[in-house]
PDB file of N, CA and C in Angstrom:
ATOM      1  N   MET A   1     -16.408 -18.805   0.838  1.00  0.00           N
ATOM      2  CA  MET A   1     -15.425 -17.752   0.979  1.00  0.00           C
ATOM      3  C   MET A   1     -15.363 -16.991  -0.337  1.00  0.00           C
ATOM      4  N   ALA A   2     -15.294 -15.700  -0.239  1.00  0.00           N
ATOM      5  CA  ALA A   2     -15.159 -14.830  -1.404  1.00  0.00           C
ATOM      6  C   ALA A   2     -13.808 -14.135  -1.355  1.00  0.00           C
ATOM      7  N   VAL A   3     -13.319 -13.735  -2.525  1.00  0.00           N
ATOM      8  CA  VAL A   3     -12.059 -13.013  -2.628  1.00  0.00           C
ATOM      9  C   VAL A   3     -12.328 -11.679  -3.318  1.00  0.00           C
ATOM     10  N   LEU A   4     -11.823 -10.625  -2.726  1.00  0.00           N
ATOM     11  CA  LEU A   4     -11.954  -9.280  -3.278  1.00  0.00           C
ATOM     12  C   LEU A   4     -10.554  -8.777  -3.587  1.00  0.00           C
ATOM     13  N   ASN A   5     -10.287  -8.475  -4.842  1.00  0.00           N
ATOM     14  CA  ASN A   5      -8.970  -7.991  -5.254  1.00  0.00           C
ATOM     15  C   ASN A   5      -9.058  -6.487  -5.489  1.00  0.00           C
ATOM     16  N   GLN A   6      -8.417  -5.710  -4.622  1.00  0.00           N
ATOM     17  CA  GLN A   6      -8.424  -4.255  -4.743  1.00  0.00           C
ATOM     18  C   GLN A   6      -7.051  -3.729  -5.168  1.00  0.00           C
ATOM     19  N   GLY A   7      -6.259  -4.590  -5.792  1.00  0.00           N
ATOM     20  CA  GLY A   7      -4.933  -4.195  -6.233  1.00  0.00           C
ATOM     21  C   GLY A   7      -4.991  -3.194  -7.373  1.00  0.00           C
ATOM     22  N   ILE A   8      -4.030  -2.279  -7.386  1.00  0.00           N
ATOM     23  CA  ILE A   8      -3.891  -1.293  -8.452  1.00  0.00           C
ATOM     24  C   ILE A   8      -2.463  -1.385  -8.967  1.00  0.00           C
ATOM     25  N   SER A   9      -2.312  -1.689 -10.240  1.00  0.00           N
ATOM     26  CA  SER A   9      -0.981  -1.771 -10.824  1.00  0.00           C
ATOM     27  C   SER A   9      -0.255  -0.448 -10.662  1.00  0.00           C
ATOM     28  N   GLY A  10       0.958  -0.501 -10.147  1.00  0.00           N
ATOM     29  CA  GLY A  10       1.754   0.705  -9.948  1.00  0.00           C
ATOM     30  C   GLY A  10       1.472   1.432  -8.651  1.00  0.00           C
ATOM     31  N   ASN A  11       0.529   0.915  -7.855  1.00  0.00           N
ATOM     32  CA  ASN A  11       0.193   1.579  -6.589  1.00  0.00           C
ATOM     33  C   ASN A  11       1.374   1.524  -5.640  1.00  0.00           C
ATOM     34  N   ARG A  12       1.424   2.482  -4.750  1.00  0.00           N
ATOM     35  CA  ARG A  12       2.513   2.568  -3.789  1.00  0.00           C
ATOM     36  C   ARG A  12       1.962   2.648  -2.376  1.00  0.00           C
ATOM     37  N   LEU A  13       2.779   2.289  -1.436  1.00  0.00           N
ATOM     38  CA  LEU A  13       2.412   2.292  -0.027  1.00  0.00           C
ATOM     39  C   LEU A  13       2.454   3.692   0.569  1.00  0.00           C
ATOM     40  N   LEU A  14       3.463   4.471   0.210  1.00  0.00           N
ATOM     41  CA  LEU A  14       3.733   5.734   0.892  1.00  0.00           C
ATOM     42  C   LEU A  14       3.492   6.993   0.063  1.00  0.00           C
ATOM     43  N   HIS A  15       3.361   6.873  -1.239  1.00  0.00           N
ATOM     44  CA  HIS A  15       3.158   8.046  -2.103  1.00  0.00           C
ATOM     45  C   HIS A  15       2.062   7.747  -3.125  1.00  0.00           C
ATOM     46  N   ASP A  16       1.286   8.769  -3.451  1.00  0.00           N
ATOM     47  CA  ASP A  16       0.303   8.633  -4.526  1.00  0.00           C
ATOM     48  C   ASP A  16       1.049   8.498  -5.843  1.00  0.00           C
ATOM     49  N   ASN A  17       0.502   7.739  -6.750  1.00  0.00           N
ATOM     50  CA  ASN A  17       1.071   7.616  -8.086  1.00  0.00           C
ATOM     51  C   ASN A  17      -0.036   7.247  -9.040  1.00  0.00           C
ATOM     52  N   PHE A  18      -0.408   6.003  -9.073  1.00  0.00           N
ATOM     53  CA  PHE A  18      -1.531   5.534  -9.870  1.00  0.00           C
ATOM     54  C   PHE A  18      -2.703   5.362  -8.913  1.00  0.00           C
ATOM     55  N   GLY A  19      -3.303   6.456  -8.528  1.00  0.00           N
ATOM     56  CA  GLY A  19      -4.337   6.446  -7.503  1.00  0.00           C
ATOM     57  C   GLY A  19      -3.739   6.744  -6.151  1.00  0.00           C
ATOM     58  N   PRO A  20      -4.602   6.850  -5.140  1.00  0.00           N
ATOM     59  CA  PRO A  20      -4.103   7.160  -3.795  1.00  0.00           C
ATOM     60  C   PRO A  20      -3.236   6.028  -3.246  1.00  0.00           C
ATOM     61  N   ASP A  21      -2.282   6.393  -2.383  1.00  0.00           N
ATOM     62  CA  ASP A  21      -1.406   5.374  -1.809  1.00  0.00           C
ATOM     63  C   ASP A  21      -2.199   4.396  -0.943  1.00  0.00           C
ATOM     64  N   SER A  22      -1.606   3.267  -0.657  1.00  0.00           N
ATOM     65  CA  SER A  22      -2.287   2.195   0.086  1.00  0.00           C
ATOM     66  C   SER A  22      -2.729   2.614   1.477  1.00  0.00           C
ATOM     67  N   LEU A  23      -1.904   3.403   2.159  1.00  0.00           N
ATOM     68  CA  LEU A  23      -2.285   3.842   3.501  1.00  0.00           C
ATOM     69  C   LEU A  23      -3.570   4.668   3.456  1.00  0.00           C
ATOM     70  N   ALA A  24      -3.738   5.459   2.406  1.00  0.00           N
ATOM     71  CA  ALA A  24      -4.920   6.312   2.286  1.00  0.00           C
ATOM     72  C   ALA A  24      -6.174   5.522   1.931  1.00  0.00           C
ATOM     73  N   ARG A  25      -6.038   4.434   1.188  1.00  0.00           N
ATOM     74  CA  ARG A  25      -7.226   3.713   0.715  1.00  0.00           C
ATOM     75  C   ARG A  25      -7.504   2.402   1.457  1.00  0.00           C
ATOM     76  N   TYR A  26      -6.683   2.060   2.404  1.00  0.00           N
ATOM     77  CA  TYR A  26      -6.761   0.777   3.105  1.00  0.00           C
ATOM     78  C   TYR A  26      -8.112   0.559   3.796  1.00  0.00           C
ATOM     79  N   ASP A  27      -8.567   1.538   4.538  1.00  0.00           N
ATOM     80  CA  ASP A  27      -9.853   1.370   5.230  1.00  0.00           C
ATOM     81  C   ASP A  27     -10.978   1.150   4.230  1.00  0.00           C
ATOM     82  N   ARG A  28     -11.055   2.017   3.236  1.00  0.00           N
ATOM     83  CA  ARG A  28     -12.119   1.933   2.235  1.00  0.00           C
ATOM     84  C   ARG A  28     -12.073   0.621   1.455  1.00  0.00           C
ATOM     85  N   ASP A  29     -10.887   0.247   0.996  1.00  0.00           N
ATOM     86  CA  ASP A  29     -10.764  -0.896   0.091  1.00  0.00           C
ATOM     87  C   ASP A  29     -10.699  -2.247   0.783  1.00  0.00           C
ATOM     88  N   ALA A  30     -10.342  -2.275   2.070  1.00  0.00           N
ATOM     89  CA  ALA A  30     -10.158  -3.558   2.742  1.00  0.00           C
ATOM     90  C   ALA A  30     -10.929  -3.650   4.059  1.00  0.00           C
ATOM     91  N   LEU A  31     -10.613  -2.788   4.988  1.00  0.00           N
ATOM     92  CA  LEU A  31     -11.123  -2.960   6.348  1.00  0.00           C
ATOM     93  C   LEU A  31     -12.625  -2.786   6.484  1.00  0.00           C
ATOM     94  N   THR A  32     -13.231  -1.942   5.683  1.00  0.00           N
ATOM     95  CA  THR A  32     -14.672  -1.696   5.824  1.00  0.00           C
ATOM     96  C   THR A  32     -15.526  -2.578   4.920  1.00  0.00           C
ATOM     97  N   GLN A  33     -14.920  -3.494   4.195  1.00  0.00           N
ATOM     98  CA  GLN A  33     -15.685  -4.401   3.342  1.00  0.00           C
ATOM     99  C   GLN A  33     -16.380  -5.453   4.213  1.00  0.00           C
ATOM    100  N   ALA A  34     -17.615  -5.732   3.904  1.00  0.00           N
ATOM    101  CA  ALA A  34     -18.410  -6.673   4.698  1.00  0.00           C
ATOM    102  C   ALA A  34     -17.775  -8.060   4.715  1.00  0.00           C
ATOM    103  N   GLY A  35     -17.679  -8.645   5.905  1.00  0.00           N
ATOM    104  CA  GLY A  35     -17.236 -10.022   6.056  1.00  0.00           C
ATOM    105  C   GLY A  35     -15.741 -10.257   5.956  1.00  0.00           C
ATOM    106  N   VAL A  36     -14.938  -9.210   5.941  1.00  0.00           N
ATOM    107  CA  VAL A  36     -13.486  -9.401   5.811  1.00  0.00           C
ATOM    108  C   VAL A  36     -12.940 -10.100   7.052  1.00  0.00           C
ATOM    109  N   SER A  37     -12.192 -11.185   6.813  1.00  0.00           N
ATOM    110  CA  SER A  37     -11.561 -11.894   7.925  1.00  0.00           C
ATOM    111  C   SER A  37     -10.061 -12.058   7.711  1.00  0.00           C
ATOM    112  N   HIS A  38      -9.595 -11.906   6.470  1.00  0.00           N
ATOM    113  CA  HIS A  38      -8.174 -12.035   6.147  1.00  0.00           C
ATOM    114  C   HIS A  38      -7.807 -10.980   5.104  1.00  0.00           C
ATOM    115  N   ILE A  39      -6.575 -10.500   5.183  1.00  0.00           N
ATOM    116  CA  ILE A  39      -6.076  -9.528   4.214  1.00  0.00           C
ATOM    117  C   ILE A  39      -4.681  -9.958   3.787  1.00  0.00           C
ATOM    118  N   ILE A  40      -4.442  -9.973   2.482  1.00  0.00           N
ATOM    119  CA  ILE A  40      -3.114 -10.237   1.931  1.00  0.00           C
ATOM    120  C   ILE A  40      -2.608  -8.922   1.357  1.00  0.00           C
ATOM    121  N   VAL A  41      -1.410  -8.528   1.757  1.00  0.00           N
ATOM    122  CA  VAL A  41      -0.839  -7.259   1.318  1.00  0.00           C
ATOM    123  C   VAL A  41       0.423  -7.535   0.502  1.00  0.00           C
ATOM    124  N   LEU A  42       0.490  -6.951  -0.680  1.00  0.00           N
ATOM    125  CA  LEU A  42       1.703  -6.993  -1.502  1.00  0.00           C
ATOM    126  C   LEU A  42       1.995  -5.554  -1.897  1.00  0.00           C
ATOM    127  N   GLU A  43       2.787  -4.887  -1.095  1.00  0.00           N
ATOM    128  CA  GLU A  43       3.094  -3.469  -1.287  1.00  0.00           C
ATOM    129  C   GLU A  43       4.551  -3.205  -0.967  1.00  0.00           C
ATOM    130  N   GLY A  44       5.110  -2.157  -1.566  1.00  0.00           N
ATOM    131  CA  GLY A  44       6.440  -1.701  -1.233  1.00  0.00           C
ATOM    132  C   GLY A  44       7.414  -1.682  -2.399  1.00  0.00           C
ATOM    133  N   ILE A  45       7.295  -2.614  -3.334  1.00  0.00           N
ATOM    134  CA  ILE A  45       8.265  -2.661  -4.424  1.00  0.00           C
ATOM    135  C   ILE A  45       8.173  -1.423  -5.311  1.00  0.00           C
ATOM    136  N   ASN A  46       6.969  -0.908  -5.536  1.00  0.00           N
ATOM    137  CA  ASN A  46       6.837   0.304  -6.348  1.00  0.00           C
ATOM    138  C   ASN A  46       7.372   1.526  -5.610  1.00  0.00           C
ATOM    139  N   ASP A  47       7.343   1.500  -4.280  1.00  0.00           N
ATOM    140  CA  ASP A  47       7.942   2.590  -3.508  1.00  0.00           C
ATOM    141  C   ASP A  47       9.453   2.641  -3.729  1.00  0.00           C
ATOM    142  N   ILE A  48      10.051   1.492  -3.996  1.00  0.00           N
ATOM    143  CA  ILE A  48      11.488   1.414  -4.239  1.00  0.00           C
ATOM    144  C   ILE A  48      11.809   1.780  -5.689  1.00  0.00           C
ATOM    145  N   GLY A  49      11.077   1.221  -6.640  1.00  0.00           N
ATOM    146  CA  GLY A  49      11.428   1.359  -8.050  1.00  0.00           C
ATOM    147  C   GLY A  49      10.975   2.625  -8.751  1.00  0.00           C
ATOM    148  N   ILE A  50       9.801   3.122  -8.427  1.00  0.00           N
ATOM    149  CA  ILE A  50       9.245   4.247  -9.182  1.00  0.00           C
ATOM    150  C   ILE A  50      10.057   5.536  -9.031  1.00  0.00           C
ATOM    151  N   PRO A  51      10.531   5.903  -7.838  1.00  0.00           N
ATOM    152  CA  PRO A  51      11.299   7.157  -7.759  1.00  0.00           C
ATOM    153  C   PRO A  51      12.522   7.172  -8.685  1.00  0.00           C
ATOM    154  N   GLY A  52      13.221   6.061  -8.788  1.00  0.00           N
ATOM    155  CA  GLY A  52      14.383   6.000  -9.677  1.00  0.00           C
ATOM    156  C   GLY A  52      13.995   5.957 -11.141  1.00  0.00           C
ATOM    157  N   ALA A  53      12.954   5.215 -11.463  1.00  0.00           N
ATOM    158  CA  ALA A  53      12.527   5.071 -12.854  1.00  0.00           C
ATOM    159  C   ALA A  53      11.970   6.369 -13.426  1.00  0.00           C
ATOM    160  N   PHE A  54      11.342   7.176 -12.595  1.00  0.00           N
ATOM    161  CA  PHE A  54      10.710   8.406 -13.067  1.00  0.00           C
ATOM    162  C   PHE A  54      11.420   9.666 -12.568  1.00  0.00           C
ATOM    163  N   ALA A  55      12.653   9.511 -12.088  1.00  0.00           N
ATOM    164  CA  ALA A  55      13.460  10.638 -11.604  1.00  0.00           C
ATOM    165  C   ALA A  55      12.704  11.481 -10.589  1.00  0.00           C
ATOM    166  N   LEU A  56      12.268  10.830  -9.508  1.00  0.00           N
ATOM    167  CA  LEU A  56      11.550  11.502  -8.432  1.00  0.00           C
ATOM    168  C   LEU A  56      12.339  11.360  -7.120  1.00  0.00           C
ATOM    169  N   PRO A  57      13.493  11.987  -7.022  1.00  0.00           N
ATOM    170  CA  PRO A  57      14.327  11.803  -5.829  1.00  0.00           C
ATOM    171  C   PRO A  57      13.641  12.232  -4.534  1.00  0.00           C
ATOM    172  N   ALA A  58      12.716  13.163  -4.599  1.00  0.00           N
ATOM    173  CA  ALA A  58      12.014  13.611  -3.386  1.00  0.00           C
ATOM    174  C   ALA A  58      11.093  12.525  -2.834  1.00  0.00           C
ATOM    175  N   GLU A  59      10.779  11.516  -3.645  1.00  0.00           N
ATOM    176  CA  GLU A  59       9.889  10.443  -3.206  1.00  0.00           C
ATOM    177  C   GLU A  59      10.630   9.155  -2.873  1.00  0.00           C
ATOM    178  N   GLU A  60      11.955   9.196  -2.820  1.00  0.00           N
ATOM    179  CA  GLU A  60      12.713   8.010  -2.427  1.00  0.00           C
ATOM    180  C   GLU A  60      12.412   7.691  -0.970  1.00  0.00           C
ATOM    181  N   VAL A  61      12.301   6.409  -0.668  1.00  0.00           N
ATOM    182  CA  VAL A  61      11.984   5.975   0.690  1.00  0.00           C
ATOM    183  C   VAL A  61      13.017   4.953   1.158  1.00  0.00           C
ATOM    184  N   SER A  62      13.162   4.855   2.456  1.00  0.00           N
ATOM    185  CA  SER A  62      14.088   3.885   3.039  1.00  0.00           C
ATOM    186  C   SER A  62      13.339   2.595   3.381  1.00  0.00           C
ATOM    187  N   ALA A  63      14.106   1.559   3.648  1.00  0.00           N
ATOM    188  CA  ALA A  63      13.503   0.292   4.076  1.00  0.00           C
ATOM    189  C   ALA A  63      12.714   0.501   5.363  1.00  0.00           C
ATOM    190  N   ASN A  64      13.248   1.306   6.272  1.00  0.00           N
ATOM    191  CA  ASN A  64      12.546   1.557   7.533  1.00  0.00           C
ATOM    192  C   ASN A  64      11.217   2.275   7.318  1.00  0.00           C
ATOM    193  N   GLU A  65      11.147   3.165   6.336  1.00  0.00           N
ATOM    194  CA  GLU A  65       9.882   3.840   6.042  1.00  0.00           C
ATOM    195  C   GLU A  65       8.853   2.859   5.490  1.00  0.00           C
ATOM    196  N   ILE A  66       9.288   1.955   4.619  1.00  0.00           N
ATOM    197  CA  ILE A  66       8.378   0.935   4.079  1.00  0.00           C
ATOM    198  C   ILE A  66       7.913   0.009   5.199  1.00  0.00           C
ATOM    199  N   ILE A  67       8.828  -0.431   6.034  1.00  0.00           N
ATOM    200  CA  ILE A  67       8.463  -1.280   7.172  1.00  0.00           C
ATOM    201  C   ILE A  67       7.470  -0.560   8.065  1.00  0.00           C
ATOM    202  N   GLY A  68       7.690   0.714   8.331  1.00  0.00           N
ATOM    203  CA  GLY A  68       6.758   1.493   9.145  1.00  0.00           C
ATOM    204  C   GLY A  68       5.371   1.578   8.528  1.00  0.00           C
ATOM    205  N   GLY A  69       5.314   1.754   7.209  1.00  0.00           N
ATOM    206  CA  GLY A  69       4.026   1.781   6.522  1.00  0.00           C
ATOM    207  C   GLY A  69       3.309   0.449   6.614  1.00  0.00           C
ATOM    208  N   LEU A  70       4.039  -0.632   6.420  1.00  0.00           N
ATOM    209  CA  LEU A  70       3.439  -1.964   6.534  1.00  0.00           C
ATOM    210  C   LEU A  70       2.973  -2.233   7.964  1.00  0.00           C
ATOM    211  N   GLN A  71       3.739  -1.772   8.956  1.00  0.00           N
ATOM    212  CA  GLN A  71       3.327  -1.932  10.346  1.00  0.00           C
ATOM    213  C   GLN A  71       2.020  -1.181  10.624  1.00  0.00           C
ATOM    214  N   GLN A  72       1.847  -0.020   9.987  1.00  0.00           N
ATOM    215  CA  GLN A  72       0.589   0.715  10.147  1.00  0.00           C
ATOM    216  C   GLN A  72      -0.584  -0.101   9.622  1.00  0.00           C
ATOM    217  N   LEU A  73      -0.401  -0.752   8.455  1.00  0.00           N
ATOM    218  CA  LEU A  73      -1.467  -1.593   7.901  1.00  0.00           C
ATOM    219  C   LEU A  73      -1.798  -2.738   8.850  1.00  0.00           C
ATOM    220  N   ILE A  74      -0.785  -3.360   9.411  1.00  0.00           N
ATOM    221  CA  ILE A  74      -0.982  -4.478  10.333  1.00  0.00           C
ATOM    222  C   ILE A  74      -1.743  -4.014  11.566  1.00  0.00           C
ATOM    223  N   GLU A  75      -1.310  -2.906  12.157  1.00  0.00           N
ATOM    224  CA  GLU A  75      -1.972  -2.401  13.366  1.00  0.00           C
ATOM    225  C   GLU A  75      -3.427  -2.043  13.095  1.00  0.00           C
ATOM    226  N   ARG A  76      -3.694  -1.437  11.957  1.00  0.00           N
ATOM    227  CA  ARG A  76      -5.076  -1.076  11.628  1.00  0.00           C
ATOM    228  C   ARG A  76      -5.937  -2.307  11.384  1.00  0.00           C
ATOM    229  N   ALA A  77      -5.339  -3.368  10.856  1.00  0.00           N
ATOM    230  CA  ALA A  77      -6.092  -4.600  10.624  1.00  0.00           C
ATOM    231  C   ALA A  77      -6.480  -5.267  11.930  1.00  0.00           C
ATOM    232  N   HIS A  78      -5.620  -5.160  12.930  1.00  0.00           N
ATOM    233  CA  HIS A  78      -5.922  -5.770  14.219  1.00  0.00           C
ATOM    234  C   HIS A  78      -6.973  -4.969  14.933  1.00  0.00           C
TER     235      HIS A  78
END
């Protein structure tokens, strides 16, 4: 078994920040990699913290928006 880590520090699920958001890069970075059978996702905390830390009120997201983004990742994985 091999492990591929495509994590980006500061990456976000719903908005670009430090590179493209997770929804935009998910296929390239995870789903199309040869032999992928499992995916571990750790996303969402930067979607909550970064808008407040960097005064970006237009990029504030709700819990339901984060849940919806994570559901998209799950559906695409299936």
